[in-house]
């Protein structure tokens, strides 16, 4: 017996936007990260006025903001990637679960019979 039993007659859905998103995510990740790095370098190249301590504080404040934005960017990219992967998996083939015996009944109920939940009071 196979570990994965594909449902007979099931047609896979065609690939859509999720495949395009998954292909673009690595580039989006690197370009976004490089953009934040470039902004940090631009902050160091700008002529700042004031004392050396003030310039140091301004540049490090910009660095902290850019690091936070880079981490937010990575989190958004990861979240979108997880969502696109889930959609891709859900569009794949349907699988049949293995049958398991019912312990409470010798024969199954007819489809139109009302179901009684014996576990609730």
N, C-alpha and C. Protein backbone atom coordinates (compact mmCIF):
# COMPACT_ATOMS: atom_id res chain seq x y z
N UNK A 1 0.85 -1.19 0.00
CA UNK A 1 0.00 0.00 0.00
C UNK A 1 0.89 1.24 0.00
N UNK A 2 0.52 2.20 -0.80
CA UNK A 2 1.27 3.43 -0.91
C UNK A 2 1.01 4.33 0.29
N UNK A 3 2.01 5.11 0.64
CA UNK A 3 1.84 6.03 1.77
C UNK A 3 0.89 7.17 1.40
N UNK A 4 0.92 7.60 0.14
CA UNK A 4 0.04 8.66 -0.32
C UNK A 4 -0.87 8.11 -1.41
N UNK A 5 -2.15 8.07 -1.14
CA UNK A 5 -3.12 7.61 -2.12
C UNK A 5 -3.80 8.81 -2.74
N UNK A 6 -3.51 9.08 -4.01
CA UNK A 6 -4.10 10.22 -4.69
C UNK A 6 -5.55 9.90 -5.02
N UNK A 7 -6.42 10.85 -4.77
CA UNK A 7 -7.84 10.69 -5.05
C UNK A 7 -8.04 10.49 -6.54
N UNK A 8 -8.69 9.38 -6.95
CA UNK A 8 -8.86 9.16 -8.39
C UNK A 8 -9.80 10.19 -9.00
N UNK A 9 -9.44 10.65 -10.20
CA UNK A 9 -10.28 11.60 -10.93
C UNK A 9 -10.09 13.05 -10.52
N UNK A 10 -9.21 13.31 -9.57
CA UNK A 10 -9.00 14.69 -9.13
C UNK A 10 -8.11 15.41 -10.12
N UNK A 11 -8.49 16.63 -10.49
CA UNK A 11 -7.69 17.43 -11.42
C UNK A 11 -7.01 18.54 -10.62
N UNK A 12 -5.69 18.65 -10.83
CA UNK A 12 -4.96 19.71 -10.15
C UNK A 12 -5.35 21.06 -10.72
N UNK A 13 -5.36 22.05 -9.87
CA UNK A 13 -5.61 23.42 -10.31
C UNK A 13 -4.36 23.96 -10.99
N UNK A 14 -4.53 24.79 -12.00
CA UNK A 14 -3.34 25.33 -12.67
C UNK A 14 -2.59 26.30 -11.75
N UNK A 15 -1.29 26.37 -11.95
CA UNK A 15 -0.47 27.29 -11.16
C UNK A 15 -0.88 28.72 -11.45
N UNK A 16 -0.87 29.53 -10.44
CA UNK A 16 -1.30 30.91 -10.60
C UNK A 16 -0.29 31.89 -10.06
N UNK A 17 -0.78 32.90 -9.39
CA UNK A 17 0.04 33.98 -8.88
C UNK A 17 1.02 33.51 -7.81
N UNK A 18 0.68 32.44 -7.09
CA UNK A 18 1.56 31.99 -6.00
C UNK A 18 2.93 31.55 -6.53
N UNK A 19 2.99 30.95 -7.71
CA UNK A 19 4.28 30.54 -8.28
C UNK A 19 5.11 31.76 -8.66
N UNK A 20 4.46 32.77 -9.21
CA UNK A 20 5.18 33.99 -9.57
C UNK A 20 5.72 34.67 -8.32
N UNK A 21 4.92 34.68 -7.26
CA UNK A 21 5.36 35.29 -6.00
C UNK A 21 6.56 34.54 -5.45
N UNK A 22 6.49 33.21 -5.43
CA UNK A 22 7.60 32.42 -4.89
C UNK A 22 8.87 32.60 -5.71
N UNK A 23 8.76 32.79 -7.01
CA UNK A 23 9.95 33.02 -7.84
C UNK A 23 10.57 34.38 -7.58
N UNK A 24 9.75 35.38 -7.26
CA UNK A 24 10.25 36.74 -7.08
C UNK A 24 10.73 37.03 -5.66
N UNK A 25 10.36 36.23 -4.69
CA UNK A 25 10.69 36.54 -3.30
C UNK A 25 12.19 36.63 -3.01
N UNK A 26 13.05 35.74 -3.53
CA UNK A 26 14.48 35.92 -3.23
C UNK A 26 15.03 37.26 -3.73
N UNK A 27 14.64 37.65 -4.92
CA UNK A 27 15.11 38.93 -5.45
C UNK A 27 14.56 40.09 -4.62
N UNK A 28 13.29 40.02 -4.25
CA UNK A 28 12.69 41.08 -3.42
C UNK A 28 13.43 41.18 -2.08
N UNK A 29 13.79 40.04 -1.52
CA UNK A 29 14.50 40.03 -0.24
C UNK A 29 15.86 40.71 -0.37
N UNK A 30 16.63 40.33 -1.39
CA UNK A 30 17.97 40.90 -1.55
C UNK A 30 17.93 42.37 -1.94
N UNK A 31 17.02 42.73 -2.83
CA UNK A 31 16.94 44.14 -3.25
C UNK A 31 16.53 45.02 -2.07
N UNK A 32 15.55 44.58 -1.29
CA UNK A 32 15.12 45.36 -0.13
C UNK A 32 16.21 45.52 0.90
N UNK A 33 16.93 44.43 1.16
CA UNK A 33 18.03 44.48 2.13
C UNK A 33 19.14 45.40 1.62
N UNK A 34 19.46 45.29 0.33
CA UNK A 34 20.50 46.16 -0.24
C UNK A 34 20.08 47.62 -0.20
N UNK A 35 18.79 47.89 -0.39
CA UNK A 35 18.30 49.26 -0.33
C UNK A 35 18.51 49.86 1.06
N UNK A 36 18.21 49.09 2.09
CA UNK A 36 18.42 49.59 3.45
C UNK A 36 19.91 49.78 3.74
N UNK A 37 20.75 48.89 3.23
CA UNK A 37 22.20 49.06 3.38
C UNK A 37 22.70 50.29 2.66
N UNK A 38 22.16 50.54 1.47
CA UNK A 38 22.57 51.73 0.71
C UNK A 38 22.15 53.00 1.44
N UNK A 39 20.97 52.99 2.04
CA UNK A 39 20.52 54.16 2.80
C UNK A 39 21.43 54.43 4.00
N UNK A 40 21.93 53.36 4.63
CA UNK A 40 22.87 53.53 5.74
C UNK A 40 24.18 54.14 5.26
N UNK A 41 24.63 53.73 4.09
CA UNK A 41 25.86 54.31 3.53
C UNK A 41 25.65 55.76 3.13
N UNK A 42 24.49 56.08 2.59
CA UNK A 42 24.19 57.47 2.22
C UNK A 42 24.18 58.35 3.47
N UNK A 43 23.64 57.83 4.57
CA UNK A 43 23.61 58.61 5.82
C UNK A 43 25.02 58.93 6.29
N UNK A 44 25.96 58.03 6.05
CA UNK A 44 27.34 58.29 6.45
C UNK A 44 28.05 59.26 5.50
N UNK A 45 27.59 59.30 4.24
CA UNK A 45 28.24 60.15 3.25
C UNK A 45 27.73 61.60 3.28
N UNK A 46 26.57 61.83 3.87
CA UNK A 46 26.00 63.18 3.90
C UNK A 46 26.83 64.09 4.81
N UNK A 47 26.91 65.37 4.44
CA UNK A 47 27.60 66.32 5.33
C UNK A 47 26.66 66.72 6.48
N UNK A 48 27.00 66.36 7.69
CA UNK A 48 26.18 66.68 8.85
C UNK A 48 26.76 67.90 9.55
N UNK A 49 25.85 68.70 10.10
CA UNK A 49 26.32 69.84 10.88
C UNK A 49 26.18 69.51 12.36
N UNK A 50 27.02 70.12 13.17
CA UNK A 50 26.96 69.88 14.60
C UNK A 50 28.23 69.21 15.09
N UNK A 51 28.19 68.90 16.35
CA UNK A 51 29.35 68.27 16.97
C UNK A 51 29.48 66.81 16.57
N UNK A 52 30.66 66.27 16.88
CA UNK A 52 30.93 64.88 16.52
C UNK A 52 29.98 63.92 17.24
N UNK A 53 29.65 64.19 18.47
CA UNK A 53 28.73 63.34 19.21
C UNK A 53 27.32 63.39 18.62
N UNK A 54 26.89 64.58 18.20
CA UNK A 54 25.56 64.71 17.59
C UNK A 54 25.48 63.93 16.27
N UNK A 55 26.51 64.04 15.47
CA UNK A 55 26.54 63.30 14.20
C UNK A 55 26.53 61.80 14.46
N UNK A 56 27.31 61.37 15.44
CA UNK A 56 27.36 59.96 15.81
C UNK A 56 25.97 59.46 16.22
N UNK A 57 25.27 60.24 17.04
CA UNK A 57 23.93 59.85 17.51
C UNK A 57 22.95 59.80 16.34
N UNK A 58 23.01 60.77 15.43
CA UNK A 58 22.09 60.79 14.28
C UNK A 58 22.31 59.57 13.38
N UNK A 59 23.57 59.28 13.08
CA UNK A 59 23.87 58.14 12.20
C UNK A 59 23.45 56.83 12.85
N UNK A 60 23.70 56.68 14.12
CA UNK A 60 23.31 55.44 14.80
C UNK A 60 21.80 55.33 14.95
N UNK A 61 21.11 56.43 15.10
CA UNK A 61 19.65 56.40 15.14
C UNK A 61 19.11 55.95 13.78
N UNK A 62 19.69 56.48 12.71
CA UNK A 62 19.28 56.04 11.37
C UNK A 62 19.56 54.56 11.18
N UNK A 63 20.71 54.10 11.67
CA UNK A 63 21.05 52.67 11.58
C UNK A 63 20.03 51.81 12.31
N UNK A 64 19.63 52.24 13.49
CA UNK A 64 18.64 51.46 14.26
C UNK A 64 17.32 51.39 13.50
N UNK A 65 16.87 52.51 12.95
CA UNK A 65 15.63 52.51 12.17
C UNK A 65 15.75 51.60 10.94
N UNK A 66 16.87 51.67 10.26
CA UNK A 66 17.05 50.85 9.05
C UNK A 66 17.15 49.36 9.39
N UNK A 67 17.77 49.03 10.50
CA UNK A 67 17.81 47.62 10.92
C UNK A 67 16.40 47.13 11.24
N UNK A 68 15.63 47.95 11.93
CA UNK A 68 14.24 47.59 12.23
C UNK A 68 13.41 47.42 10.96
N UNK A 69 13.61 48.32 9.99
CA UNK A 69 12.88 48.20 8.73
C UNK A 69 13.32 46.97 7.94
N UNK A 70 14.60 46.63 7.99
CA UNK A 70 15.09 45.43 7.29
C UNK A 70 14.47 44.18 7.91
N UNK A 71 14.41 44.12 9.23
CA UNK A 71 13.80 42.96 9.89
C UNK A 71 12.31 42.89 9.57
N UNK A 72 11.63 44.03 9.54
CA UNK A 72 10.23 44.06 9.14
C UNK A 72 10.07 43.57 7.70
N UNK A 73 10.96 44.00 6.82
CA UNK A 73 10.93 43.57 5.42
C UNK A 73 11.08 42.06 5.32
N UNK A 74 12.06 41.49 6.04
CA UNK A 74 12.26 40.04 6.01
C UNK A 74 11.04 39.31 6.54
N UNK A 75 10.42 39.85 7.59
CA UNK A 75 9.23 39.23 8.17
C UNK A 75 8.07 39.24 7.17
N UNK A 76 7.88 40.35 6.49
CA UNK A 76 6.81 40.43 5.49
C UNK A 76 7.07 39.46 4.34
N UNK A 77 8.32 39.41 3.88
CA UNK A 77 8.66 38.49 2.79
C UNK A 77 8.43 37.04 3.22
N UNK A 78 8.83 36.70 4.44
CA UNK A 78 8.62 35.34 4.95
C UNK A 78 7.13 35.02 5.05
N UNK A 79 6.34 35.95 5.55
CA UNK A 79 4.91 35.73 5.70
C UNK A 79 4.24 35.54 4.34
N UNK A 80 4.59 36.37 3.38
CA UNK A 80 4.03 36.23 2.03
C UNK A 80 4.48 34.90 1.42
N UNK A 81 5.72 34.52 1.65
CA UNK A 81 6.22 33.24 1.14
C UNK A 81 5.49 32.06 1.74
N UNK A 82 5.22 32.10 3.03
CA UNK A 82 4.47 31.01 3.67
C UNK A 82 3.07 30.93 3.10
N UNK A 83 2.43 32.09 2.92
CA UNK A 83 1.08 32.10 2.34
C UNK A 83 1.07 31.55 0.92
N UNK A 84 2.03 31.94 0.09
CA UNK A 84 2.09 31.44 -1.28
C UNK A 84 2.38 29.95 -1.31
N UNK A 85 3.23 29.47 -0.40
CA UNK A 85 3.51 28.04 -0.33
C UNK A 85 2.27 27.25 0.07
N UNK A 86 1.51 27.78 1.01
CA UNK A 86 0.28 27.10 1.43
C UNK A 86 -0.70 27.02 0.27
N UNK A 87 -0.85 28.10 -0.48
CA UNK A 87 -1.75 28.09 -1.64
C UNK A 87 -1.26 27.07 -2.66
N UNK A 88 0.05 27.00 -2.89
CA UNK A 88 0.60 26.05 -3.84
C UNK A 88 0.32 24.61 -3.41
N UNK A 89 0.49 24.32 -2.14
CA UNK A 89 0.23 22.97 -1.64
C UNK A 89 -1.25 22.64 -1.72
N UNK A 90 -2.10 23.60 -1.42
CA UNK A 90 -3.54 23.35 -1.45
C UNK A 90 -4.05 23.13 -2.88
N UNK A 91 -3.34 23.65 -3.87
CA UNK A 91 -3.74 23.44 -5.26
C UNK A 91 -3.25 22.10 -5.80
N UNK A 92 -2.43 21.40 -5.05
CA UNK A 92 -1.87 20.13 -5.51
C UNK A 92 -2.91 19.03 -5.51
N UNK A 93 -2.47 17.80 -5.74
CA UNK A 93 -3.43 16.70 -5.79
C UNK A 93 -4.07 16.42 -4.44
N UNK A 94 -5.30 15.91 -4.49
CA UNK A 94 -6.00 15.54 -3.26
C UNK A 94 -5.62 14.11 -2.89
N UNK A 95 -5.48 13.86 -1.61
CA UNK A 95 -5.11 12.54 -1.14
C UNK A 95 -6.25 11.95 -0.32
N UNK A 96 -6.36 10.63 -0.37
CA UNK A 96 -7.39 9.90 0.37
C UNK A 96 -6.75 9.40 1.65
N UNK A 97 -7.43 9.65 2.74
CA UNK A 97 -6.93 9.16 4.02
C UNK A 97 -7.24 7.67 4.15
N UNK A 98 -6.40 6.96 4.88
CA UNK A 98 -6.66 5.55 5.11
C UNK A 98 -7.90 5.40 5.98
N UNK A 99 -8.67 4.36 5.68
CA UNK A 99 -9.88 4.10 6.45
C UNK A 99 -9.51 3.59 7.84
N UNK A 100 -10.33 3.91 8.80
CA UNK A 100 -10.11 3.40 10.15
C UNK A 100 -11.45 2.83 10.64
N UNK A 101 -11.40 1.79 11.45
CA UNK A 101 -12.65 1.16 11.89
C UNK A 101 -13.36 2.02 12.94
N UNK A 102 -14.70 2.03 12.87
CA UNK A 102 -15.50 2.70 13.87
C UNK A 102 -15.70 1.76 15.05
N UNK A 103 -15.40 2.23 16.22
CA UNK A 103 -15.50 1.38 17.40
C UNK A 103 -16.91 1.37 17.98
N UNK A 104 -17.72 2.39 17.70
CA UNK A 104 -19.01 2.53 18.35
C UNK A 104 -20.15 1.88 17.57
N UNK A 105 -19.94 1.43 16.37
CA UNK A 105 -21.04 0.97 15.55
C UNK A 105 -20.63 -0.24 14.73
N UNK A 106 -21.58 -1.18 14.60
CA UNK A 106 -21.36 -2.34 13.76
C UNK A 106 -21.60 -2.01 12.29
N UNK A 107 -22.48 -1.07 12.05
CA UNK A 107 -22.78 -0.67 10.68
C UNK A 107 -22.97 0.85 10.66
N UNK A 108 -22.62 1.50 9.58
CA UNK A 108 -22.76 2.96 9.54
C UNK A 108 -24.21 3.39 9.43
N UNK A 109 -24.47 4.62 9.89
CA UNK A 109 -25.81 5.19 9.78
C UNK A 109 -26.11 5.54 8.33
N UNK A 110 -27.39 5.52 7.95
CA UNK A 110 -27.73 6.00 6.60
C UNK A 110 -27.43 7.49 6.50
N UNK A 111 -27.19 7.99 5.29
CA UNK A 111 -26.80 9.40 5.14
C UNK A 111 -27.84 10.40 5.63
N UNK A 112 -29.13 10.05 5.60
CA UNK A 112 -30.16 11.00 6.01
C UNK A 112 -30.53 10.89 7.49
N UNK A 113 -29.88 10.00 8.24
CA UNK A 113 -30.21 9.81 9.65
C UNK A 113 -29.62 10.96 10.47
N UNK A 114 -30.36 11.42 11.51
CA UNK A 114 -29.82 12.51 12.36
C UNK A 114 -28.67 11.96 13.21
N UNK A 115 -27.70 12.77 13.40
CA UNK A 115 -26.53 12.35 14.18
C UNK A 115 -26.70 12.82 15.62
N UNK A 116 -26.39 11.95 16.55
CA UNK A 116 -26.50 12.26 17.97
C UNK A 116 -25.10 12.29 18.55
N UNK A 117 -24.77 13.36 19.22
CA UNK A 117 -23.48 13.48 19.87
C UNK A 117 -23.60 12.97 21.30
N UNK A 118 -23.05 11.83 21.56
CA UNK A 118 -23.19 11.18 22.88
C UNK A 118 -22.20 11.76 23.89
N UNK A 119 -21.24 12.53 23.45
CA UNK A 119 -20.23 13.04 24.37
C UNK A 119 -20.64 14.35 25.02
N UNK A 120 -21.65 14.98 24.53
CA UNK A 120 -22.10 16.24 25.14
C UNK A 120 -23.29 15.97 26.04
N UNK A 121 -23.34 16.65 27.18
CA UNK A 121 -24.47 16.44 28.11
C UNK A 121 -25.74 17.08 27.61
